[in-house]
Amino acid sequence: MKNPPISMFNEDLYNESIAHRNRHKCGGYPFDNGVFLNQIVNQTKSVNILEIGTAIGYSAICLAKGNNCSVQTIDLNKEHESLANQNFELFGVDKQIKMTIGSSIEVLPSIDRVFDIIFVDGFAPNPSEVKDYVRLLSTSGLLITTNHSWNSSTNEFLAEIVACGLGYVLESDTAFSSLDADKIKMCVELWEKKRDTHSD
């Protein structure tokens, strides 16, 4: 089906992302709460979004679908470009998403615009990139970082977040950071609601 609605893509595309990772051994672990991403964009009325870690496009689609926003997404693996672009077109969000191939540590310094949301879902967050995230984040913007359990960098990463003046809350493997405490609270409430739904 061309341009499936949000209610249809969450589980199917998530599972396809896992199947792709298992076939290609590329490390493209999909974020497991796509509905949460979509709700955050919708409720914060975010317009400009930066994603690090595209894989086959699952989370970028979750961010964009049904929302009045544009997404710039960065991925290290050239092989993902055609797969992601095919999915962007299939789900009717190809006009909203621009994909860049390259290492985030090399691409980020060249970006000169600000974003309402930065979503980091590549490998474990890199403490050396925090200043770039903060530079690219709008005044009341929201930084969402995942995969904090992958290595020992979390404490250093969060210390850098605090040093840059942002607050944060770490929920399981995901941190929500912002200068705006209300946005962090909103993230936590939506996250807990989704978790409670799964535990019923």
N, C-alpha and C. Protein backbone atom coordinates (compact mmCIF):
# COMPACT_ATOMS: atom_id res chain seq x y z
N MET A 1 0.84 -1.19 0.00
CA MET A 1 0.00 0.00 0.00
C MET A 1 0.88 1.24 0.00
N LYS A 2 0.61 2.14 -0.93
CA LYS A 2 1.35 3.40 -1.00
C LYS A 2 0.89 4.33 0.11
N ASN A 3 1.85 4.99 0.78
CA ASN A 3 1.56 6.00 1.80
C ASN A 3 0.71 5.45 2.96
N PRO A 4 1.18 4.37 3.63
CA PRO A 4 0.41 3.81 4.75
C PRO A 4 0.26 4.81 5.89
N PRO A 5 -0.86 4.75 6.61
CA PRO A 5 -1.04 5.64 7.76
C PRO A 5 -0.13 5.24 8.91
N ILE A 6 0.01 6.13 9.88
CA ILE A 6 0.91 5.88 11.00
C ILE A 6 0.55 4.62 11.77
N SER A 7 -0.73 4.32 11.89
CA SER A 7 -1.15 3.16 12.67
C SER A 7 -0.66 1.85 12.06
N MET A 8 -0.28 1.88 10.77
CA MET A 8 0.12 0.65 10.09
C MET A 8 1.62 0.46 10.04
N PHE A 9 2.41 1.55 10.12
CA PHE A 9 3.82 1.35 9.82
C PHE A 9 4.66 0.99 11.03
N ASN A 10 4.19 1.25 12.23
CA ASN A 10 5.06 1.14 13.39
C ASN A 10 5.68 -0.24 13.52
N GLU A 11 4.85 -1.27 13.63
CA GLU A 11 5.37 -2.61 13.87
C GLU A 11 6.01 -3.22 12.64
N ASP A 12 5.37 -3.06 11.46
CA ASP A 12 5.89 -3.68 10.25
C ASP A 12 7.27 -3.13 9.86
N LEU A 13 7.41 -1.82 9.85
CA LEU A 13 8.68 -1.24 9.45
C LEU A 13 9.76 -1.45 10.52
N TYR A 14 9.34 -1.45 11.77
CA TYR A 14 10.27 -1.76 12.85
C TYR A 14 10.85 -3.17 12.66
N ASN A 15 9.97 -4.13 12.39
CA ASN A 15 10.42 -5.52 12.20
C ASN A 15 11.30 -5.65 10.97
N GLU A 16 10.99 -4.90 9.90
CA GLU A 16 11.83 -4.93 8.72
C GLU A 16 13.21 -4.33 9.02
N SER A 17 13.26 -3.33 9.89
CA SER A 17 14.54 -2.75 10.28
C SER A 17 15.41 -3.78 11.00
N ILE A 18 14.78 -4.56 11.88
CA ILE A 18 15.52 -5.61 12.59
C ILE A 18 15.99 -6.68 11.61
N ALA A 19 15.12 -7.07 10.67
CA ALA A 19 15.49 -8.08 9.68
C ALA A 19 16.67 -7.59 8.83
N HIS A 20 16.64 -6.32 8.46
CA HIS A 20 17.75 -5.74 7.69
C HIS A 20 19.05 -5.81 8.49
N ARG A 21 19.00 -5.41 9.75
CA ARG A 21 20.20 -5.46 10.60
C ARG A 21 20.75 -6.87 10.69
N ASN A 22 19.86 -7.85 10.86
CA ASN A 22 20.31 -9.23 10.99
C ASN A 22 20.92 -9.77 9.69
N ARG A 23 20.38 -9.31 8.56
CA ARG A 23 20.92 -9.76 7.27
C ARG A 23 22.26 -9.13 6.98
N HIS A 24 22.38 -7.85 7.23
CA HIS A 24 23.55 -7.10 6.79
C HIS A 24 24.58 -6.82 7.88
N LYS A 25 24.23 -7.15 9.13
CA LYS A 25 25.17 -6.97 10.25
C LYS A 25 25.72 -5.54 10.30
N CYS A 26 24.82 -4.56 10.09
CA CYS A 26 25.27 -3.18 9.95
C CYS A 26 25.14 -2.36 11.23
N GLY A 27 24.59 -2.93 12.27
CA GLY A 27 24.45 -2.17 13.51
C GLY A 27 23.27 -1.21 13.50
N GLY A 28 22.35 -1.35 12.54
CA GLY A 28 21.20 -0.46 12.45
C GLY A 28 20.08 -0.88 13.38
N TYR A 29 20.26 -0.67 14.68
CA TYR A 29 19.26 -1.04 15.67
C TYR A 29 18.15 0.01 15.70
N PRO A 30 16.92 -0.37 15.37
CA PRO A 30 15.85 0.64 15.35
C PRO A 30 15.41 1.03 16.76
N PHE A 31 15.11 2.30 16.95
CA PHE A 31 14.54 2.80 18.20
C PHE A 31 13.18 2.14 18.38
N ASP A 32 12.91 1.60 19.58
CA ASP A 32 11.74 0.74 19.73
C ASP A 32 10.48 1.47 20.17
N ASN A 33 10.44 2.79 20.04
CA ASN A 33 9.26 3.54 20.46
C ASN A 33 8.93 4.61 19.43
N GLY A 34 8.59 4.17 18.22
CA GLY A 34 8.33 5.09 17.13
C GLY A 34 7.12 5.97 17.36
N VAL A 35 6.09 5.43 18.00
CA VAL A 35 4.90 6.23 18.29
C VAL A 35 5.26 7.39 19.22
N PHE A 36 6.13 7.13 20.18
CA PHE A 36 6.60 8.18 21.07
C PHE A 36 7.26 9.32 20.28
N LEU A 37 8.13 8.97 19.33
CA LEU A 37 8.78 9.99 18.52
C LEU A 37 7.75 10.84 17.78
N ASN A 38 6.77 10.17 17.19
CA ASN A 38 5.74 10.88 16.44
C ASN A 38 4.95 11.82 17.35
N GLN A 39 4.62 11.36 18.54
CA GLN A 39 3.86 12.17 19.49
C GLN A 39 4.66 13.38 19.96
N ILE A 40 5.95 13.19 20.21
CA ILE A 40 6.79 14.30 20.67
C ILE A 40 6.85 15.41 19.62
N VAL A 41 7.05 15.03 18.36
CA VAL A 41 7.07 16.04 17.29
C VAL A 41 5.73 16.77 17.24
N ASN A 42 4.65 15.99 17.32
CA ASN A 42 3.31 16.57 17.23
C ASN A 42 3.02 17.51 18.40
N GLN A 43 3.32 17.08 19.61
CA GLN A 43 2.95 17.86 20.79
C GLN A 43 3.84 19.09 20.99
N THR A 44 5.09 19.02 20.53
CA THR A 44 5.98 20.18 20.65
C THR A 44 5.89 21.09 19.43
N LYS A 45 5.11 20.66 18.42
CA LYS A 45 4.97 21.44 17.18
C LYS A 45 6.33 21.73 16.55
N SER A 46 7.21 20.75 16.63
CA SER A 46 8.56 20.92 16.10
C SER A 46 8.54 20.95 14.57
N VAL A 47 9.35 21.83 14.01
CA VAL A 47 9.37 22.04 12.57
C VAL A 47 10.66 21.53 11.94
N ASN A 48 11.79 21.76 12.59
CA ASN A 48 13.09 21.36 12.06
C ASN A 48 13.71 20.29 12.96
N ILE A 49 14.03 19.15 12.36
CA ILE A 49 14.51 18.00 13.14
C ILE A 49 15.79 17.46 12.51
N LEU A 50 16.75 17.12 13.36
CA LEU A 50 17.99 16.47 12.93
C LEU A 50 18.04 15.09 13.56
N GLU A 51 18.30 14.09 12.71
CA GLU A 51 18.45 12.71 13.19
C GLU A 51 19.84 12.21 12.84
N ILE A 52 20.46 11.52 13.77
CA ILE A 52 21.75 10.88 13.52
C ILE A 52 21.55 9.38 13.64
N GLY A 53 21.70 8.68 12.52
CA GLY A 53 21.48 7.24 12.47
C GLY A 53 20.19 6.92 11.74
N THR A 54 20.25 6.81 10.41
CA THR A 54 19.04 6.61 9.59
C THR A 54 18.66 5.15 9.45
N ALA A 55 19.63 4.29 9.18
CA ALA A 55 19.39 2.90 8.80
C ALA A 55 18.44 2.88 7.60
N ILE A 56 17.34 2.12 7.66
CA ILE A 56 16.45 2.06 6.49
C ILE A 56 15.31 3.07 6.59
N GLY A 57 15.39 3.99 7.56
CA GLY A 57 14.47 5.11 7.60
C GLY A 57 13.34 5.03 8.59
N TYR A 58 13.31 4.00 9.43
CA TYR A 58 12.17 3.79 10.34
C TYR A 58 11.90 5.01 11.23
N SER A 59 12.90 5.44 11.98
CA SER A 59 12.64 6.53 12.94
C SER A 59 12.42 7.86 12.25
N ALA A 60 13.10 8.11 11.12
CA ALA A 60 12.85 9.35 10.38
C ALA A 60 11.41 9.41 9.92
N ILE A 61 10.87 8.28 9.49
CA ILE A 61 9.47 8.23 9.08
C ILE A 61 8.57 8.47 10.28
N CYS A 62 8.90 7.87 11.41
CA CYS A 62 8.12 8.09 12.63
C CYS A 62 8.11 9.57 13.01
N LEU A 63 9.23 10.25 12.87
CA LEU A 63 9.31 11.67 13.19
C LEU A 63 8.47 12.50 12.24
N ALA A 64 8.49 12.16 10.96
CA ALA A 64 7.88 13.00 9.93
C ALA A 64 6.41 12.73 9.67
N LYS A 65 5.99 11.49 9.77
CA LYS A 65 4.66 11.10 9.28
C LYS A 65 3.55 11.86 9.99
N GLY A 66 2.75 12.58 9.20
CA GLY A 66 1.61 13.30 9.76
C GLY A 66 1.96 14.60 10.46
N ASN A 67 3.23 14.94 10.50
CA ASN A 67 3.67 16.16 11.18
C ASN A 67 4.17 17.19 10.16
N ASN A 68 3.97 18.45 10.46
CA ASN A 68 4.40 19.54 9.58
C ASN A 68 5.85 19.89 9.91
N CYS A 69 6.76 19.04 9.47
CA CYS A 69 8.17 19.21 9.83
C CYS A 69 9.06 18.75 8.69
N SER A 70 10.33 19.14 8.78
CA SER A 70 11.36 18.61 7.89
C SER A 70 12.40 17.91 8.74
N VAL A 71 12.96 16.83 8.19
CA VAL A 71 13.95 16.02 8.91
C VAL A 71 15.23 15.94 8.09
N GLN A 72 16.34 16.32 8.68
CA GLN A 72 17.65 16.08 8.09
C GLN A 72 18.25 14.90 8.84
N THR A 73 18.59 13.84 8.11
CA THR A 73 19.08 12.63 8.75
C THR A 73 20.45 12.25 8.20
N ILE A 74 21.31 11.79 9.09
CA ILE A 74 22.71 11.48 8.76
C ILE A 74 22.97 10.00 9.03
N ASP A 75 23.61 9.33 8.07
CA ASP A 75 23.97 7.93 8.28
C ASP A 75 25.35 7.66 7.69
N LEU A 76 26.08 6.79 8.35
CA LEU A 76 27.45 6.47 7.95
C LEU A 76 27.49 5.49 6.77
N ASN A 77 26.45 4.69 6.61
CA ASN A 77 26.45 3.56 5.67
C ASN A 77 25.80 3.94 4.35
N LYS A 78 26.58 4.00 3.29
CA LYS A 78 26.09 4.37 1.96
C LYS A 78 25.01 3.42 1.48
N GLU A 79 25.10 2.16 1.89
CA GLU A 79 24.11 1.16 1.48
C GLU A 79 22.70 1.52 1.95
N HIS A 80 22.60 2.26 3.05
CA HIS A 80 21.29 2.59 3.58
C HIS A 80 20.56 3.65 2.76
N GLU A 81 21.30 4.40 1.95
CA GLU A 81 20.70 5.55 1.27
C GLU A 81 19.52 5.16 0.38
N SER A 82 19.72 4.18 -0.51
CA SER A 82 18.64 3.81 -1.43
C SER A 82 17.49 3.14 -0.68
N LEU A 83 17.81 2.33 0.33
CA LEU A 83 16.76 1.65 1.10
C LEU A 83 15.89 2.66 1.84
N ALA A 84 16.55 3.63 2.49
CA ALA A 84 15.81 4.64 3.23
C ALA A 84 14.97 5.50 2.29
N ASN A 85 15.55 5.92 1.19
CA ASN A 85 14.80 6.77 0.26
C ASN A 85 13.59 6.05 -0.32
N GLN A 86 13.71 4.75 -0.56
CA GLN A 86 12.56 3.97 -1.02
C GLN A 86 11.45 3.98 0.03
N ASN A 87 11.83 3.82 1.28
CA ASN A 87 10.83 3.83 2.35
C ASN A 87 10.22 5.22 2.54
N PHE A 88 11.03 6.27 2.42
CA PHE A 88 10.50 7.62 2.54
C PHE A 88 9.42 7.86 1.49
N GLU A 89 9.68 7.39 0.26
CA GLU A 89 8.69 7.56 -0.80
C GLU A 89 7.45 6.70 -0.54
N LEU A 90 7.68 5.46 -0.11
CA LEU A 90 6.55 4.55 0.16
C LEU A 90 5.60 5.14 1.19
N PHE A 91 6.16 5.76 2.23
CA PHE A 91 5.33 6.28 3.31
C PHE A 91 4.95 7.75 3.12
N GLY A 92 5.24 8.29 1.95
CA GLY A 92 4.76 9.62 1.60
C GLY A 92 5.44 10.76 2.35
N VAL A 93 6.68 10.54 2.79
CA VAL A 93 7.39 11.60 3.54
C VAL A 93 8.69 12.02 2.83
N ASP A 94 8.87 11.60 1.58
CA ASP A 94 10.13 11.87 0.88
C ASP A 94 10.37 13.36 0.67
N LYS A 95 9.32 14.16 0.61
CA LYS A 95 9.50 15.62 0.46
C LYS A 95 9.92 16.27 1.78
N GLN A 96 9.74 15.55 2.89
CA GLN A 96 10.07 16.10 4.21
C GLN A 96 11.47 15.75 4.69
N ILE A 97 12.08 14.73 4.08
CA ILE A 97 13.32 14.17 4.64
C ILE A 97 14.47 14.31 3.66
N LYS A 98 15.59 14.80 4.16
CA LYS A 98 16.83 14.89 3.39
C LYS A 98 17.89 14.05 4.11
N MET A 99 18.52 13.14 3.36
CA MET A 99 19.50 12.23 3.94
C MET A 99 20.91 12.62 3.51
N THR A 100 21.83 12.61 4.46
CA THR A 100 23.24 12.88 4.20
C THR A 100 24.05 11.66 4.61
N ILE A 101 24.95 11.21 3.74
CA ILE A 101 25.83 10.09 4.07
C ILE A 101 27.17 10.63 4.58
N GLY A 102 27.57 10.15 5.74
CA GLY A 102 28.84 10.56 6.31
C GLY A 102 28.87 10.34 7.80
N SER A 103 30.03 10.52 8.39
CA SER A 103 30.20 10.41 9.84
C SER A 103 29.66 11.66 10.51
N SER A 104 28.87 11.50 11.56
CA SER A 104 28.30 12.66 12.23
C SER A 104 29.38 13.60 12.76
N ILE A 105 30.49 13.04 13.21
CA ILE A 105 31.55 13.89 13.76
C ILE A 105 32.17 14.79 12.68
N GLU A 106 32.03 14.38 11.40
CA GLU A 106 32.51 15.19 10.30
C GLU A 106 31.42 16.08 9.72
N VAL A 107 30.16 15.60 9.72
CA VAL A 107 29.06 16.35 9.11
C VAL A 107 28.55 17.47 10.01
N LEU A 108 28.45 17.21 11.31
CA LEU A 108 27.85 18.19 12.22
C LEU A 108 28.49 19.57 12.16
N PRO A 109 29.83 19.69 12.15
CA PRO A 109 30.43 21.03 12.13
C PRO A 109 30.06 21.85 10.89
N SER A 110 29.63 21.18 9.81
CA SER A 110 29.29 21.90 8.58
C SER A 110 27.84 22.39 8.56
N ILE A 111 27.04 22.01 9.54
CA ILE A 111 25.63 22.42 9.58
C ILE A 111 25.54 23.78 10.27
N ASP A 112 24.79 24.69 9.65
CA ASP A 112 24.72 26.05 10.19
C ASP A 112 23.28 26.52 10.43
N ARG A 113 22.40 25.60 10.78
CA ARG A 113 21.02 25.95 11.12
C ARG A 113 20.70 25.34 12.47
N VAL A 114 19.59 25.75 13.06
CA VAL A 114 19.22 25.20 14.36
C VAL A 114 17.99 24.29 14.21
N PHE A 115 17.83 23.40 15.18
CA PHE A 115 16.78 22.39 15.12
C PHE A 115 15.95 22.41 16.41
N ASP A 116 14.67 22.10 16.25
CA ASP A 116 13.77 21.99 17.40
C ASP A 116 13.98 20.67 18.15
N ILE A 117 14.31 19.63 17.39
CA ILE A 117 14.62 18.31 17.98
C ILE A 117 15.86 17.76 17.32
N ILE A 118 16.78 17.25 18.12
CA ILE A 118 17.89 16.45 17.62
C ILE A 118 17.74 15.06 18.23
N PHE A 119 17.67 14.06 17.35
CA PHE A 119 17.47 12.68 17.78
C PHE A 119 18.71 11.88 17.40
N VAL A 120 19.45 11.40 18.40
CA VAL A 120 20.70 10.68 18.17
C VAL A 120 20.47 9.20 18.41
N ASP A 121 20.46 8.42 17.32
CA ASP A 121 20.17 6.99 17.40
C ASP A 121 21.16 6.20 16.55
N GLY A 122 22.39 6.70 16.48
CA GLY A 122 23.42 5.94 15.80
C GLY A 122 24.01 4.96 16.80
N PHE A 123 25.30 5.01 16.98
CA PHE A 123 25.92 4.19 18.02
C PHE A 123 25.80 4.92 19.35
N ALA A 124 26.52 4.48 20.37
CA ALA A 124 26.43 5.13 21.68
C ALA A 124 26.79 6.61 21.54
N PRO A 125 26.09 7.49 22.26
CA PRO A 125 26.35 8.93 22.14
C PRO A 125 27.81 9.27 22.43
N ASN A 126 28.35 10.19 21.65
CA ASN A 126 29.75 10.55 21.74
C ASN A 126 29.89 11.86 22.53
N PRO A 127 30.52 11.83 23.70
CA PRO A 127 30.67 13.05 24.49
C PRO A 127 31.31 14.20 23.73
N SER A 128 32.19 13.88 22.77
CA SER A 128 32.87 14.94 22.02
C SER A 128 31.94 15.67 21.06
N GLU A 129 30.73 15.14 20.83
CA GLU A 129 29.78 15.78 19.93
C GLU A 129 28.77 16.67 20.67
N VAL A 130 28.79 16.65 22.00
CA VAL A 130 27.77 17.37 22.77
C VAL A 130 27.74 18.85 22.41
N LYS A 131 28.89 19.49 22.28
CA LYS A 131 28.91 20.92 21.98
C LYS A 131 28.29 21.22 20.63
N ASP A 132 28.45 20.30 19.68
CA ASP A 132 27.79 20.48 18.38
C ASP A 132 26.28 20.33 18.53
N TYR A 133 25.83 19.35 19.32
CA TYR A 133 24.38 19.20 19.53
C TYR A 133 23.80 20.48 20.12
N VAL A 134 24.46 21.01 21.13
CA VAL A 134 23.96 22.20 21.82
C VAL A 134 23.98 23.41 20.88
N ARG A 135 25.04 23.51 20.07
CA ARG A 135 25.13 24.60 19.10
C ARG A 135 23.98 24.55 18.10
N LEU A 136 23.56 23.36 17.73
CA LEU A 136 22.54 23.18 16.70
C LEU A 136 21.12 23.16 17.25
N LEU A 137 20.99 23.20 18.58
CA LEU A 137 19.68 23.09 19.21
C LEU A 137 19.08 24.48 19.41
N SER A 138 17.81 24.65 19.06
CA SER A 138 17.14 25.92 19.30
C SER A 138 17.04 26.17 20.80
N THR A 139 16.72 27.41 21.17
CA THR A 139 16.76 27.81 22.58
C THR A 139 15.93 26.90 23.48
N SER A 140 14.75 26.51 23.00
CA SER A 140 13.91 25.60 23.80
C SER A 140 13.87 24.21 23.17
N GLY A 141 14.92 23.88 22.41
CA GLY A 141 14.95 22.62 21.68
C GLY A 141 15.11 21.41 22.58
N LEU A 142 14.92 20.24 21.98
CA LEU A 142 14.93 18.97 22.70
C LEU A 142 15.96 18.03 22.07
N LEU A 143 16.86 17.51 22.89
CA LEU A 143 17.85 16.53 22.46
C LEU A 143 17.46 15.18 23.03
N ILE A 144 17.29 14.19 22.15
CA ILE A 144 16.96 12.82 22.56
C ILE A 144 18.12 11.93 22.13
N THR A 145 18.76 11.27 23.08
CA THR A 145 19.90 10.41 22.78
C THR A 145 19.62 8.99 23.29
N THR A 146 20.03 8.00 22.49
CA THR A 146 19.73 6.60 22.81
C THR A 146 21.02 5.79 22.90
N ASN A 147 20.85 4.51 23.20
CA ASN A 147 21.96 3.55 23.24
C ASN A 147 23.00 3.88 24.32
N HIS A 148 22.52 4.41 25.44
CA HIS A 148 23.44 4.77 26.51
C HIS A 148 24.06 3.56 27.20
N SER A 149 23.50 2.39 27.02
CA SER A 149 24.06 1.20 27.68
C SER A 149 25.13 0.51 26.83
N TRP A 150 25.42 1.03 25.65
CA TRP A 150 26.34 0.35 24.76
C TRP A 150 27.80 0.43 25.19
N ASN A 151 28.16 1.47 25.89
CA ASN A 151 29.54 1.56 26.39
C ASN A 151 29.56 2.40 27.66
N SER A 152 30.73 2.78 28.10
CA SER A 152 30.87 3.46 29.38
C SER A 152 30.84 4.98 29.26
N SER A 153 30.36 5.50 28.14
CA SER A 153 30.45 6.94 27.90
C SER A 153 29.30 7.75 28.50
N THR A 154 28.28 7.09 29.03
CA THR A 154 27.08 7.81 29.46
C THR A 154 27.39 8.87 30.51
N ASN A 155 28.13 8.53 31.55
CA ASN A 155 28.41 9.51 32.61
C ASN A 155 29.15 10.72 32.06
N GLU A 156 30.13 10.48 31.19
CA GLU A 156 30.87 11.59 30.59
C GLU A 156 29.96 12.41 29.68
N PHE A 157 29.11 11.73 28.91
CA PHE A 157 28.18 12.41 28.01
C PHE A 157 27.23 13.32 28.80
N LEU A 158 26.63 12.78 29.85
CA LEU A 158 25.68 13.56 30.64
C LEU A 158 26.37 14.69 31.40
N ALA A 159 27.61 14.48 31.80
CA ALA A 159 28.36 15.56 32.45
C ALA A 159 28.59 16.71 31.47
N GLU A 160 28.82 16.38 30.20
CA GLU A 160 28.98 17.41 29.17
C GLU A 160 27.66 18.15 28.95
N ILE A 161 26.55 17.41 28.98
CA ILE A 161 25.22 18.02 28.85
C ILE A 161 25.02 19.07 29.94
N VAL A 162 25.32 18.69 31.17
CA VAL A 162 25.16 19.60 32.31
C VAL A 162 26.09 20.80 32.18
N ALA A 163 27.34 20.54 31.76
CA ALA A 163 28.32 21.62 31.60
C ALA A 163 27.86 22.65 30.56
N CYS A 164 27.05 22.20 29.62
CA CYS A 164 26.52 23.10 28.60
C CYS A 164 25.21 23.77 29.04
N GLY A 165 24.78 23.49 30.27
CA GLY A 165 23.63 24.18 30.82
C GLY A 165 22.29 23.51 30.62
N LEU A 166 22.26 22.32 30.01
CA LEU A 166 21.00 21.63 29.78
C LEU A 166 20.65 20.73 30.95
N GLY A 167 19.36 20.58 31.20
CA GLY A 167 18.90 19.56 32.14
C GLY A 167 18.69 18.26 31.38
N TYR A 168 18.55 17.17 32.10
CA TYR A 168 18.29 15.89 31.44
C TYR A 168 17.58 14.93 32.38
N VAL A 169 16.91 13.95 31.78
CA VAL A 169 16.38 12.80 32.50
C VAL A 169 16.77 11.57 31.69
N LEU A 170 17.31 10.56 32.36
CA LEU A 170 17.69 9.31 31.70
C LEU A 170 16.63 8.26 32.02
N GLU A 171 15.97 7.79 30.99
CA GLU A 171 14.96 6.73 31.12
C GLU A 171 15.47 5.49 30.42
N SER A 172 15.84 4.48 31.20
CA SER A 172 16.37 3.25 30.63
C SER A 172 17.58 3.59 29.76
N ASP A 173 17.47 3.41 28.47
CA ASP A 173 18.58 3.58 27.54
C ASP A 173 18.54 4.93 26.83
N THR A 174 17.59 5.80 27.19
CA THR A 174 17.32 7.02 26.45
C THR A 174 17.36 8.23 27.37
N ALA A 175 18.04 9.29 26.93
CA ALA A 175 18.11 10.53 27.71
C ALA A 175 17.38 11.64 26.98
N PHE A 176 16.64 12.44 27.73
CA PHE A 176 15.94 13.61 27.21
C PHE A 176 16.62 14.84 27.81
N SER A 177 17.12 15.73 26.96
CA SER A 177 17.88 16.88 27.43
C SER A 177 17.33 18.16 26.80
N SER A 178 17.28 19.23 27.59
CA SER A 178 16.79 20.50 27.08
C SER A 178 17.05 21.60 28.11
N LEU A 179 17.00 22.85 27.64
CA LEU A 179 16.95 23.98 28.56
C LEU A 179 15.54 24.16 29.10
N ASP A 180 14.57 23.57 28.43
CA ASP A 180 13.15 23.70 28.76
C ASP A 180 12.70 22.50 29.61
N ALA A 181 12.54 22.70 30.90
CA ALA A 181 12.17 21.60 31.80
C ALA A 181 10.81 21.01 31.46
N ASP A 182 9.91 21.83 30.92
CA ASP A 182 8.58 21.33 30.55
C ASP A 182 8.65 20.31 29.43
N LYS A 183 9.59 20.50 28.50
CA LYS A 183 9.74 19.53 27.41
C LYS A 183 10.31 18.21 27.91
N ILE A 184 11.22 18.27 28.85
CA ILE A 184 11.73 17.04 29.45
C ILE A 184 10.60 16.31 30.17
N LYS A 185 9.80 17.06 30.92
CA LYS A 185 8.67 16.46 31.63
C LYS A 185 7.69 15.82 30.66
N MET A 186 7.41 16.49 29.54
CA MET A 186 6.51 15.93 28.53
C MET A 186 7.05 14.61 27.99
N CYS A 187 8.34 14.57 27.71
CA CYS A 187 8.97 13.33 27.23
C CYS A 187 8.79 12.20 28.23
N VAL A 188 9.08 12.48 29.48
CA VAL A 188 8.99 11.45 30.52
C VAL A 188 7.56 10.94 30.65
N GLU A 189 6.60 11.85 30.61
CA GLU A 189 5.20 11.44 30.74
C GLU A 189 4.76 10.56 29.58
N LEU A 190 5.14 10.94 28.36
CA LEU A 190 4.79 10.12 27.19
C LEU A 190 5.50 8.78 27.23
N TRP A 191 6.75 8.81 27.65
CA TRP A 191 7.55 7.58 27.75
C TRP A 191 6.92 6.61 28.76
N GLU A 192 6.55 7.13 29.92
CA GLU A 192 5.96 6.28 30.95
C GLU A 192 4.59 5.76 30.53
N LYS A 193 3.83 6.58 29.83
CA LYS A 193 2.53 6.13 29.34
C LYS A 193 2.68 4.97 28.37
N LYS A 194 3.65 5.07 27.47
CA LYS A 194 3.89 3.99 26.51
C LYS A 194 4.36 2.73 27.24
N ARG A 195 5.25 2.91 28.23
CA ARG A 195 5.77 1.77 28.99
C ARG A 195 4.64 1.09 29.76
N ASP A 196 3.76 1.89 30.39
CA ASP A 196 2.64 1.32 31.14
C ASP A 196 1.69 0.56 30.23
N THR A 197 1.50 1.06 29.00
CA THR A 197 0.64 0.37 28.04
C THR A 197 1.19 -1.00 27.69
N HIS A 198 2.53 -1.07 27.52
CA HIS A 198 3.15 -2.35 27.19
C HIS A 198 3.14 -3.32 28.36
N SER A 199 3.10 -2.82 29.57
CA SER A 199 3.16 -3.70 30.75
C SER A 199 1.80 -4.25 31.15
N ASP A 200 0.72 -3.70 30.57
CA ASP A 200 -0.64 -4.17 30.93
C ASP A 200 -0.88 -5.57 30.42
